[in-house]
PDB file of N, CA and C in Angstrom:
ATOM      1  N   MET A   1     -75.855  65.620  61.934  1.00  0.00           N
ATOM      2  CA  MET A   1     -74.895  67.160  61.381  1.00  0.00           C
ATOM      3  C   MET A   1     -74.076  66.184  60.244  1.00  0.00           C
ATOM      4  N   PRO A   2     -74.552  67.110  59.218  1.00  0.00           N
ATOM      5  CA  PRO A   2     -73.452  66.720  58.337  1.00  0.00           C
ATOM      6  C   PRO A   2     -72.023  67.340  58.063  1.00  0.00           C
ATOM      7  N   VAL A   3     -71.100  66.512  57.960  1.00  0.00           N
ATOM      8  CA  VAL A   3     -69.601  66.893  57.696  1.00  0.00           C
ATOM      9  C   VAL A   3     -69.291  66.904  56.075  1.00  0.00           C
ATOM     10  N   ASP A   4     -68.543  67.849  56.421  1.00  0.00           N
ATOM     11  CA  ASP A   4     -68.136  67.906  54.883  1.00  0.00           C
ATOM     12  C   ASP A   4     -66.773  67.394  54.345  1.00  0.00           C
ATOM     13  N   ARG A   5     -66.264  67.279  53.093  1.00  0.00           N
ATOM     14  CA  ARG A   5     -65.637  66.167  52.811  1.00  0.00           C
ATOM     15  C   ARG A   5     -63.825  65.816  53.417  1.00  0.00           C
ATOM     16  N   GLU A   6     -63.755  67.357  53.645  1.00  0.00           N
ATOM     17  CA  GLU A   6     -62.547  67.572  53.670  1.00  0.00           C
ATOM     18  C   GLU A   6     -62.000  67.217  55.432  1.00  0.00           C
ATOM     19  N   SER A   7     -63.420  67.752  55.986  1.00  0.00           N
ATOM     20  CA  SER A   7     -63.546  67.136  57.303  1.00  0.00           C
ATOM     21  C   SER A   7     -63.286  65.318  57.489  1.00  0.00           C
ATOM     22  N   GLN A   8     -64.033  65.013  56.829  1.00  0.00           N
ATOM     23  CA  GLN A   8     -64.388  63.364  56.529  1.00  0.00           C
ATOM     24  C   GLN A   8     -62.881  62.668  56.418  1.00  0.00           C
ATOM     25  N   LYS A   9     -62.168  63.294  55.605  1.00  0.00           N
ATOM     26  CA  LYS A   9     -60.650  62.540  55.639  1.00  0.00           C
ATOM     27  C   LYS A   9     -60.189  63.278  56.806  1.00  0.00           C
ATOM     28  N   ILE A  10     -59.709  64.031  57.608  1.00  0.00           N
ATOM     29  CA  ILE A  10     -59.068  64.602  58.883  1.00  0.00           C
ATOM     30  C   ILE A  10     -59.458  63.524  60.294  1.00  0.00           C
ATOM     31  N   ILE A  11     -60.885  63.171  59.826  1.00  0.00           N
ATOM     32  CA  ILE A  11     -61.397  62.331  61.127  1.00  0.00           C
ATOM     33  C   ILE A  11     -61.175  61.208  60.764  1.00  0.00           C
ATOM     34  N   GLU A  12     -60.976  60.647  59.606  1.00  0.00           N
ATOM     35  CA  GLU A  12     -60.226  59.040  59.100  1.00  0.00           C
ATOM     36  C   GLU A  12     -58.839  58.750  59.160  1.00  0.00           C
ATOM     37  N   TYR A  13     -58.337  60.483  59.034  1.00  0.00           N
ATOM     38  CA  TYR A  13     -56.710  60.221  59.120  1.00  0.00           C
ATOM     39  C   TYR A  13     -56.626  59.897  60.466  1.00  0.00           C
ATOM     40  N   PHE A  14     -57.496  60.553  61.566  1.00  0.00           N
ATOM     41  CA  PHE A  14     -56.979  60.569  62.648  1.00  0.00           C
ATOM     42  C   PHE A  14     -57.696  58.845  63.654  1.00  0.00           C
ATOM     43  N   GLU A  15     -58.395  58.131  63.074  1.00  0.00           N
ATOM     44  CA  GLU A  15     -58.808  57.260  63.417  1.00  0.00           C
ATOM     45  C   GLU A  15     -57.885  56.018  62.668  1.00  0.00           C
ATOM     46  N   MET A  16     -57.452  56.347  61.337  1.00  0.00           N
ATOM     47  CA  MET A  16     -56.167  55.338  61.180  1.00  0.00           C
ATOM     48  C   MET A  16     -55.188  55.782  61.979  1.00  0.00           C
ATOM     49  N   LEU A  17     -54.863  56.793  62.312  1.00  0.00           N
ATOM     50  CA  LEU A  17     -53.316  56.801  63.324  1.00  0.00           C
ATOM     51  C   LEU A  17     -53.654  56.862  64.455  1.00  0.00           C
ATOM     52  N   GLY A  18     -54.940  56.572  65.095  1.00  0.00           N
ATOM     53  CA  GLY A  18     -55.177  55.953  66.098  1.00  0.00           C
ATOM     54  C   GLY A  18     -55.150  54.519  65.986  1.00  0.00           C
ATOM     55  N   MET A  19     -55.505  53.528  65.289  1.00  0.00           N
ATOM     56  CA  MET A  19     -55.538  52.312  65.133  1.00  0.00           C
ATOM     57  C   MET A  19     -54.083  52.189  65.162  1.00  0.00           C
ATOM     58  N   ARG A  20     -52.963  52.230  64.254  1.00  0.00           N
ATOM     59  CA  ARG A  20     -51.793  51.870  64.338  1.00  0.00           C
ATOM     60  C   ARG A  20     -50.981  52.234  65.233  1.00  0.00           C
ATOM     61  N   ILE A  21     -51.591  53.289  66.278  1.00  0.00           N
ATOM     62  CA  ILE A  21     -50.577  53.432  67.305  1.00  0.00           C
ATOM     63  C   ILE A  21     -51.293  52.542  68.108  1.00  0.00           C
ATOM     64  N   PHE A  22     -52.346  51.822  68.504  1.00  0.00           N
ATOM     65  CA  PHE A  22     -52.845  50.764  69.346  1.00  0.00           C
ATOM     66  C   PHE A  22     -51.894  49.912  68.928  1.00  0.00           C
ATOM     67  N   ILE A  23     -52.188  49.503  67.021  1.00  0.00           N
ATOM     68  CA  ILE A  23     -51.262  48.750  67.235  1.00  0.00           C
ATOM     69  C   ILE A  23     -49.614  48.012  67.280  1.00  0.00           C
ATOM     70  N   ALA A  24     -49.457  49.119  67.431  1.00  0.00           N
ATOM     71  CA  ALA A  24     -48.237  49.233  68.225  1.00  0.00           C
ATOM     72  C   ALA A  24     -47.434  49.122  69.243  1.00  0.00           C
ATOM     73  N   GLU A  25     -48.647  49.769  70.137  1.00  0.00           N
ATOM     74  CA  GLU A  25     -48.716  49.652  71.338  1.00  0.00           C
ATOM     75  C   GLU A  25     -48.260  48.406  71.887  1.00  0.00           C
ATOM     76  N   LEU A  26     -49.664  47.468  70.990  1.00  0.00           N
ATOM     77  CA  LEU A  26     -49.987  45.973  71.256  1.00  0.00           C
ATOM     78  C   LEU A  26     -48.684  45.266  71.413  1.00  0.00           C
ATOM     79  N   VAL A  27     -47.999  45.189  69.748  1.00  0.00           N
ATOM     80  CA  VAL A  27     -46.866  44.826  69.216  1.00  0.00           C
ATOM     81  C   VAL A  27     -45.999  44.973  70.279  1.00  0.00           C
ATOM     82  N   TRP A  28     -45.970  45.680  70.850  1.00  0.00           N
ATOM     83  CA  TRP A  28     -44.371  45.977  71.708  1.00  0.00           C
ATOM     84  C   TRP A  28     -44.830  45.334  73.287  1.00  0.00           C
ATOM     85  N   THR A  29     -46.454  45.691  73.559  1.00  0.00           N
ATOM     86  CA  THR A  29     -46.567  45.001  75.167  1.00  0.00           C
ATOM     87  C   THR A  29     -46.291  43.308  75.198  1.00  0.00           C
ATOM     88  N   VAL A  30     -46.599  42.628  73.919  1.00  0.00           N
ATOM     89  CA  VAL A  30     -46.147  41.773  73.400  1.00  0.00           C
ATOM     90  C   VAL A  30     -44.778  41.743  73.466  1.00  0.00           C
ATOM     91  N   ILE A  31     -44.385  42.101  72.773  1.00  0.00           N
ATOM     92  CA  ILE A  31     -42.840  41.401  72.684  1.00  0.00           C
ATOM     93  C   ILE A  31     -42.169  42.033  74.363  1.00  0.00           C
ATOM     94  N   GLY A  32     -42.453  42.538  75.131  1.00  0.00           N
ATOM     95  CA  GLY A  32     -41.989  43.220  75.912  1.00  0.00           C
ATOM     96  C   GLY A  32     -42.494  42.019  77.179  1.00  0.00           C
ATOM     97  N   ALA A  33     -43.747  41.595  77.011  1.00  0.00           N
ATOM     98  CA  ALA A  33     -44.380  40.272  78.150  1.00  0.00           C
ATOM     99  C   ALA A  33     -43.315  39.230  77.668  1.00  0.00           C
ATOM    100  N   ALA A  34     -42.941  39.005  76.176  1.00  0.00           N
ATOM    101  CA  ALA A  34     -41.738  37.736  75.860  1.00  0.00           C
ATOM    102  C   ALA A  34     -41.177  37.461  76.732  1.00  0.00           C
ATOM    103  N   ILE A  35     -40.249  38.589  76.794  1.00  0.00           N
ATOM    104  CA  ILE A  35     -38.980  38.808  76.870  1.00  0.00           C
ATOM    105  C   ILE A  35     -39.073  38.559  78.223  1.00  0.00           C
ATOM    106  N   PHE A  36     -39.640  39.244  79.520  1.00  0.00           N
ATOM    107  CA  PHE A  36     -40.047  39.616  80.738  1.00  0.00           C
ATOM    108  C   PHE A  36     -40.537  38.249  81.332  1.00  0.00           C
ATOM    109  N   PHE A  37     -41.074  37.142  80.761  1.00  0.00           N
ATOM    110  CA  PHE A  37     -41.163  35.440  80.877  1.00  0.00           C
ATOM    111  C   PHE A  37     -40.118  34.631  80.308  1.00  0.00           C
ATOM    112  N   GLY A  38     -39.644  35.073  79.114  1.00  0.00           N
ATOM    113  CA  GLY A  38     -38.448  34.579  79.254  1.00  0.00           C
ATOM    114  C   GLY A  38     -37.214  34.147  79.747  1.00  0.00           C
ATOM    115  N   LEU A  39     -36.865  35.581  80.352  1.00  0.00           N
ATOM    116  CA  LEU A  39     -35.964  36.022  81.113  1.00  0.00           C
ATOM    117  C   LEU A  39     -36.615  35.288  82.794  1.00  0.00           C
ATOM    118  N   LEU A  40     -37.170  35.068  83.325  1.00  0.00           N
ATOM    119  CA  LEU A  40     -38.439  34.509  84.373  1.00  0.00           C
ATOM    120  C   LEU A  40     -37.985  33.356  84.356  1.00  0.00           C
ATOM    121  N   TYR A  41     -38.296  32.645  82.912  1.00  0.00           N
ATOM    122  CA  TYR A  41     -38.431  31.511  83.180  1.00  0.00           C
ATOM    123  C   TYR A  41     -36.352  31.271  82.988  1.00  0.00           C
ATOM    124  N   LEU A  42     -35.497  31.892  82.728  1.00  0.00           N
ATOM    125  CA  LEU A  42     -34.116  30.972  82.338  1.00  0.00           C
ATOM    126  C   LEU A  42     -33.799  31.432  83.716  1.00  0.00           C
ATOM    127  N   THR A  43     -33.932  32.309  84.595  1.00  0.00           N
ATOM    128  CA  THR A  43     -33.657  32.622  85.980  1.00  0.00           C
ATOM    129  C   THR A  43     -34.388  31.428  86.865  1.00  0.00           C
ATOM    130  N   LEU A  44     -35.488  31.031  86.830  1.00  0.00           N
ATOM    131  CA  LEU A  44     -36.084  29.987  87.501  1.00  0.00           C
ATOM    132  C   LEU A  44     -35.503  28.484  87.451  1.00  0.00           C
ATOM    133  N   ARG A  45     -35.103  28.358  86.252  1.00  0.00           N
ATOM    134  CA  ARG A  45     -34.814  27.100  86.150  1.00  0.00           C
ATOM    135  C   ARG A  45     -33.232  27.348  86.275  1.00  0.00           C
ATOM    136  N   TYR A  46     -31.995  27.985  86.268  1.00  0.00           N
ATOM    137  CA  TYR A  46     -30.912  28.336  86.882  1.00  0.00           C
ATOM    138  C   TYR A  46     -31.173  27.961  88.169  1.00  0.00           C
ATOM    139  N   ALA A  47     -31.400  29.233  88.942  1.00  0.00           N
ATOM    140  CA  ALA A  47     -31.967  28.296  90.021  1.00  0.00           C
ATOM    141  C   ALA A  47     -32.348  27.426  90.471  1.00  0.00           C
ATOM    142  N   ILE A  48     -33.299  26.623  90.357  1.00  0.00           N
ATOM    143  CA  ILE A  48     -34.149  25.167  90.496  1.00  0.00           C
ATOM    144  C   ILE A  48     -32.584  24.169  90.548  1.00  0.00           C
ATOM    145  N   ARG A  49     -32.114  24.282  89.115  1.00  0.00           N
ATOM    146  CA  ARG A  49     -30.670  23.698  88.512  1.00  0.00           C
ATOM    147  C   ARG A  49     -29.537  23.713  89.862  1.00  0.00           C
ATOM    148  N   ASP A  50     -29.370  24.846  90.080  1.00  0.00           N
ATOM    149  CA  ASP A  50     -28.152  25.092  91.414  1.00  0.00           C
ATOM    150  C   ASP A  50     -28.572  24.617  92.346  1.00  0.00           C
ATOM    151  N   GLY A  51     -30.490  24.874  92.863  1.00  0.00           N
ATOM    152  CA  GLY A  51     -30.535  24.303  94.357  1.00  0.00           C
ATOM    153  C   GLY A  51     -30.567  22.985  93.677  1.00  0.00           C
ATOM    154  N   LEU A  52     -30.900  21.988  93.010  1.00  0.00           N
ATOM    155  CA  LEU A  52     -30.512  20.374  93.109  1.00  0.00           C
ATOM    156  C   LEU A  52     -29.336  20.008  93.288  1.00  0.00           C
ATOM    157  N   ARG A  53     -28.209  20.622  92.704  1.00  0.00           N
ATOM    158  CA  ARG A  53     -26.972  20.450  92.765  1.00  0.00           C
ATOM    159  C   ARG A  53     -26.124  20.605  94.071  1.00  0.00           C
ATOM    160  N   ASP A  54     -26.847  21.857  94.556  1.00  0.00           N
ATOM    161  CA  ASP A  54     -26.081  21.947  96.222  1.00  0.00           C
ATOM    162  C   ASP A  54     -26.994  21.016  97.049  1.00  0.00           C
ATOM    163  N   SER A  55     -27.884  20.457  96.701  1.00  0.00           N
ATOM    164  CA  SER A  55     -28.646  19.439  97.495  1.00  0.00           C
ATOM    165  C   SER A  55     -27.989  17.859  97.511  1.00  0.00           C
ATOM    166  N   GLN A  56     -27.447  17.768  96.065  1.00  0.00           N
ATOM    167  CA  GLN A  56     -26.730  16.594  96.348  1.00  0.00           C
ATOM    168  C   GLN A  56     -25.328  16.346  96.151  1.00  0.00           C
ATOM    169  N   ARG A  57     -24.794  17.755  96.956  1.00  0.00           N
ATOM    170  CA  ARG A  57     -23.547  17.585  96.714  1.00  0.00           C
ATOM    171  C   ARG A  57     -23.176  16.876  97.991  1.00  0.00           C
ATOM    172  N   GLU A  58     -22.114  16.282  97.979  1.00  0.00           N
ATOM    173  CA  GLU A  58     -21.594  15.432  98.937  1.00  0.00           C
ATOM    174  C   GLU A  58     -20.968  15.717 100.520  1.00  0.00           C
ATOM    175  N   ASP A  59     -20.381  17.044  99.854  1.00  0.00           N
ATOM    176  CA  ASP A  59     -19.264  17.256 101.203  1.00  0.00           C
ATOM    177  C   ASP A  59     -20.241  18.739 102.137  1.00  0.00           C
ATOM    178  N   ARG A  60     -21.799  18.419 101.972  1.00  0.00           N
ATOM    179  CA  ARG A  60     -22.539  19.756 102.545  1.00  0.00           C
ATOM    180  C   ARG A  60     -21.893  20.051 103.773  1.00  0.00           C
ATOM    181  N   ARG A  61     -21.884  21.035 104.366  1.00  0.00           N
ATOM    182  CA  ARG A  61     -21.304  21.834 105.763  1.00  0.00           C
ATOM    183  C   ARG A  61     -22.819  21.459 106.689  1.00  0.00           C
ATOM    184  N   VAL A  62     -22.262  21.142 107.950  1.00  0.00           N
ATOM    185  CA  VAL A  62     -23.650  21.231 108.562  1.00  0.00           C
ATOM    186  C   VAL A  62     -24.112  22.555 108.865  1.00  0.00           C
ATOM    187  N   ALA A  63     -24.945  22.766 109.157  1.00  0.00           N
ATOM    188  CA  ALA A  63     -25.083  24.220 109.818  1.00  0.00           C
ATOM    189  C   ALA A  63     -24.923  24.615 111.098  1.00  0.00           C
ATOM    190  N   ILE A  64     -24.164  25.461 111.581  1.00  0.00           N
ATOM    191  CA  ILE A  64     -23.709  25.863 112.568  1.00  0.00           C
ATOM    192  C   ILE A  64     -25.022  26.400 113.506  1.00  0.00           C
ATOM    193  N   PRO A  65     -25.535  26.048 114.773  1.00  0.00           N
ATOM    194  CA  PRO A  65     -26.531  27.415 115.395  1.00  0.00           C
ATOM    195  C   PRO A  65     -25.957  28.762 115.482  1.00  0.00           C
ATOM    196  N   ARG A  66     -26.652  29.459 115.451  1.00  0.00           N
ATOM    197  CA  ARG A  66     -26.368  31.060 115.747  1.00  0.00           C
ATOM    198  C   ARG A  66     -26.451  31.194 117.238  1.00  0.00           C
ATOM    199  N   GLU A  67     -26.287  32.149 117.234  1.00  0.00           N
ATOM    200  CA  GLU A  67     -25.857  32.599 119.186  1.00  0.00           C
ATOM    201  C   GLU A  67     -27.321  32.445 119.962  1.00  0.00           C
ATOM    202  N   ARG A  68     -28.245  33.447 119.113  1.00  0.00           N
ATOM    203  CA  ARG A  68     -29.139  33.863 119.129  1.00  0.00           C
ATOM    204  C   ARG A  68     -30.192  32.446 119.603  1.00  0.00           C
ATOM    205  N   ASP A  69     -29.865  31.301 118.921  1.00  0.00           N
ATOM    206  CA  ASP A  69     -30.558  29.925 118.727  1.00  0.00           C
ATOM    207  C   ASP A  69     -30.121  29.128 120.814  1.00  0.00           C
ATOM    208  N   ARG A  70     -28.974  29.660 120.969  1.00  0.00           N
ATOM    209  CA  ARG A  70     -28.537  28.728 122.843  1.00  0.00           C
ATOM    210  C   ARG A  70     -28.689  29.565 123.838  1.00  0.00           C
ATOM    211  N   ILE A  71     -29.279  30.692 123.359  1.00  0.00           N
ATOM    212  CA  ILE A  71     -29.656  31.226 124.616  1.00  0.00           C
ATOM    213  C   ILE A  71     -30.644  31.147 125.534  1.00  0.00           C
ATOM    214  N   SER A  72     -30.705  30.591 126.544  1.00  0.00           N
ATOM    215  CA  SER A  72     -31.824  30.468 127.148  1.00  0.00           C
ATOM    216  C   SER A  72     -32.201  31.163 127.848  1.00  0.00           C
ATOM    217  N   ALA A  73     -33.527  31.129 127.519  1.00  0.00           N
ATOM    218  CA  ALA A  73     -34.467  32.483 127.685  1.00  0.00           C
ATOM    219  C   ALA A  73     -35.451  32.097 127.867  1.00  0.00           C
ATOM    220  N   PRO A  74     -36.852  32.302 129.158  1.00  0.00           N
ATOM    221  CA  PRO A  74     -38.138  31.798 128.415  1.00  0.00           C
ATOM    222  C   PRO A  74     -38.721  32.043 127.445  1.00  0.00           C
ATOM    223  N   ASP A  75     -39.676  31.433 126.656  1.00  0.00           N
ATOM    224  CA  ASP A  75     -39.961  31.504 125.452  1.00  0.00           C
ATOM    225  C   ASP A  75     -41.271  32.740 125.402  1.00  0.00           C
ATOM    226  N   MET A  76     -40.984  33.426 124.744  1.00  0.00           N
ATOM    227  CA  MET A  76     -41.210  34.926 125.014  1.00  0.00           C
ATOM    228  C   MET A  76     -42.954  35.061 123.884  1.00  0.00           C
ATOM    229  N   ARG A  77     -43.025  33.935 123.118  1.00  0.00           N
ATOM    230  CA  ARG A  77     -43.810  34.198 121.615  1.00  0.00           C
ATOM    231  C   ARG A  77     -45.428  33.993 122.322  1.00  0.00           C
ATOM    232  N   ALA A  78     -45.858  34.414 121.241  1.00  0.00           N
ATOM    233  CA  ALA A  78     -47.728  35.012 121.415  1.00  0.00           C
ATOM    234  C   ALA A  78     -48.122  33.689 121.776  1.00  0.00           C
ATOM    235  N   ASP A  79     -49.113  33.456 122.338  1.00  0.00           N
ATOM    236  CA  ASP A  79     -50.192  32.151 121.976  1.00  0.00           C
ATOM    237  C   ASP A  79     -50.494  31.636 120.758  1.00  0.00           C
TER     238      ASP A  79
END
């Protein structure tokens, strides 16, 4: 079906607009992913560093047994 010149321009405009929107969405997705993974990396890095520091401390306290760990009751766990 033949399309007149003005309709063809409108179709090309919407195609160009669609590509611009797609590229902008792709750019924002990449930027968001980079920020997310950057913050995730920093969080894990500092959490691991703090954990290693805590494990190397000399003045660590011994864990105090909880009340329910001291109760003498039959083992009710499933086989």
